[in-house]
Amino acid sequence: MSERHVAYEPFACAPALKLEAHERVSSLQVAALNDRLDRLEVLMERLERRLWLTVYGVAGMILAEGFQSLLHKLP
């Protein structure tokens, strides 16, 4: 059996470089999380608008039906 020696490229590995890489990854994760939160806020605002439109629509229908029944009772 012959042994093969593989020459690896030298790389810089130090605690400071690991910390720097971790900080970069963390900042990317925080940026992605903030982006998701911004999108969720926009979706919640849209949902809130739709909810209020529904509430006003239902209230308008109830008032319209009450007004119609009042008109039918008048001579």
C-alpha atoms as a PDB file:
ATOM      1  CA  MET A   1       0.000   0.000   0.000  1.00  0.00           C
ATOM      2  CA  SER A   2       1.377   3.358  -0.920  1.00  0.00           C
ATOM      3  CA  GLU A   3       0.768   6.414   1.172  1.00  0.00           C
ATOM      4  CA  ARG A   4      -0.313   9.552  -0.560  1.00  0.00           C
ATOM      5  CA  HIS A   5       0.560  12.846   0.998  1.00  0.00           C
ATOM      6  CA  VAL A   6      -1.835  15.620   0.182  1.00  0.00           C
ATOM      7  CA  ALA A   7      -0.503  19.127   0.425  1.00  0.00           C
ATOM      8  CA  TYR A   8      -3.096  21.407   1.977  1.00  0.00           C
ATOM      9  CA  GLU A   9      -3.071  25.099   1.375  1.00  0.00           C
ATOM     10  CA  PRO A  10      -2.055  27.022   4.449  1.00  0.00           C
ATOM     11  CA  PHE A  11      -4.835  29.054   5.975  1.00  0.00           C
ATOM     12  CA  ALA A  12      -5.015  31.555   8.761  1.00  0.00           C
ATOM     13  CA  CYS A  13      -6.833  30.200  11.754  1.00  0.00           C
ATOM     14  CA  ALA A  14      -6.802  32.211  14.889  1.00  0.00           C
ATOM     15  CA  PRO A  15      -9.376  32.994  17.577  1.00  0.00           C
ATOM     16  CA  ALA A  16      -9.677  36.545  16.256  1.00  0.00           C
ATOM     17  CA  LEU A  17     -10.521  35.272  12.760  1.00  0.00           C
ATOM     18  CA  LYS A  18     -13.075  32.833  14.152  1.00  0.00           C
ATOM     19  CA  LEU A  19     -14.647  35.647  16.139  1.00  0.00           C
ATOM     20  CA  GLU A  20     -14.701  37.898  13.072  1.00  0.00           C
ATOM     21  CA  ALA A  21     -16.375  35.173  11.008  1.00  0.00           C
ATOM     22  CA  HIS A  22     -18.901  34.573  13.762  1.00  0.00           C
ATOM     23  CA  GLU A  23     -19.677  38.292  13.938  1.00  0.00           C
ATOM     24  CA  ARG A  24     -20.237  38.406  10.175  1.00  0.00           C
ATOM     25  CA  VAL A  25     -22.558  35.404  10.286  1.00  0.00           C
ATOM     26  CA  SER A  26     -24.403  36.872  13.266  1.00  0.00           C
ATOM     27  CA  SER A  27     -24.848  40.215  11.529  1.00  0.00           C
ATOM     28  CA  LEU A  28     -26.235  38.444   8.444  1.00  0.00           C
ATOM     29  CA  GLN A  29     -28.650  36.483  10.622  1.00  0.00           C
ATOM     30  CA  VAL A  30     -29.790  39.642  12.419  1.00  0.00           C
ATOM     31  CA  ALA A  31     -30.276  41.421   9.084  1.00  0.00           C
ATOM     32  CA  ALA A  32     -32.354  38.506   7.771  1.00  0.00           C
ATOM     33  CA  LEU A  33     -34.408  38.467  10.970  1.00  0.00           C
ATOM     34  CA  ASN A  34     -35.046  42.219  10.731  1.00  0.00           C
ATOM     35  CA  ASP A  35     -36.116  41.796   7.108  1.00  0.00           C
ATOM     36  CA  ARG A  36     -38.570  39.074   8.120  1.00  0.00           C
ATOM     37  CA  LEU A  37     -39.942  41.243  10.920  1.00  0.00           C
ATOM     38  CA  ASP A  38     -40.430  44.148   8.507  1.00  0.00           C
ATOM     39  CA  ARG A  39     -42.336  41.893   6.089  1.00  0.00           C
ATOM     40  CA  LEU A  40     -44.462  40.549   8.947  1.00  0.00           C
ATOM     41  CA  GLU A  41     -45.304  44.090  10.065  1.00  0.00           C
ATOM     42  CA  VAL A  42     -46.439  44.977   6.539  1.00  0.00           C
ATOM     43  CA  LEU A  43     -48.584  41.840   6.375  1.00  0.00           C
ATOM     44  CA  MET A  44     -50.097  42.578   9.788  1.00  0.00           C
ATOM     45  CA  GLU A  45     -50.964  46.131   8.716  1.00  0.00           C
ATOM     46  CA  ARG A  46     -52.706  44.784   5.596  1.00  0.00           C
ATOM     47  CA  LEU A  47     -54.597  42.248   7.676  1.00  0.00           C
ATOM     48  CA  GLU A  48     -55.620  44.948  10.144  1.00  0.00           C
ATOM     49  CA  ARG A  49     -56.949  47.131   7.310  1.00  0.00           C
ATOM     50  CA  ARG A  50     -58.951  44.205   5.937  1.00  0.00           C
ATOM     51  CA  LEU A  51     -60.320  43.441   9.379  1.00  0.00           C
ATOM     52  CA  TRP A  52     -61.467  47.030   9.908  1.00  0.00           C
ATOM     53  CA  LEU A  53     -63.036  47.107   6.449  1.00  0.00           C
ATOM     54  CA  THR A  54     -64.942  43.947   7.345  1.00  0.00           C
ATOM     55  CA  VAL A  55     -66.066  45.406  10.682  1.00  0.00           C
ATOM     56  CA  TYR A  56     -67.234  48.634   9.010  1.00  0.00           C
ATOM     57  CA  GLY A  57     -68.964  46.649   6.284  1.00  0.00           C
ATOM     58  CA  VAL A  58     -70.872  44.525   8.792  1.00  0.00           C
ATOM     59  CA  ALA A  59     -71.797  47.597  10.837  1.00  0.00           C
ATOM     60  CA  GLY A  60     -72.963  49.359   7.660  1.00  0.00           C
ATOM     61  CA  MET A  61     -75.134  46.387   6.707  1.00  0.00           C
ATOM     62  CA  ILE A  62     -76.717  46.267  10.167  1.00  0.00           C
ATOM     63  CA  LEU A  63     -77.428  50.004  10.038  1.00  0.00           C
ATOM     64  CA  ALA A  64     -78.835  49.721   6.509  1.00  0.00           C
ATOM     65  CA  GLU A  65     -81.145  46.883   7.531  1.00  0.00           C
ATOM     66  CA  GLY A  66     -82.298  48.869  10.577  1.00  0.00           C
ATOM     67  CA  PHE A  67     -82.928  51.909   8.407  1.00  0.00           C
ATOM     68  CA  GLN A  68     -84.898  49.833   5.884  1.00  0.00           C
ATOM     69  CA  SER A  69     -87.057  48.279   8.585  1.00  0.00           C
ATOM     70  CA  LEU A  70     -87.664  51.758   9.995  1.00  0.00           C
ATOM     71  CA  LEU A  71     -88.742  53.006   6.544  1.00  0.00           C
ATOM     72  CA  HIS A  72     -91.188  50.106   6.154  1.00  0.00           C
ATOM     73  CA  LYS A  73     -92.828  50.887   9.500  1.00  0.00           C
ATOM     74  CA  LEU A  74     -93.424  54.568   8.669  1.00  0.00           C
ATOM     75  CA  PRO A  75     -96.710  55.456   6.923  1.00  0.00           C
END
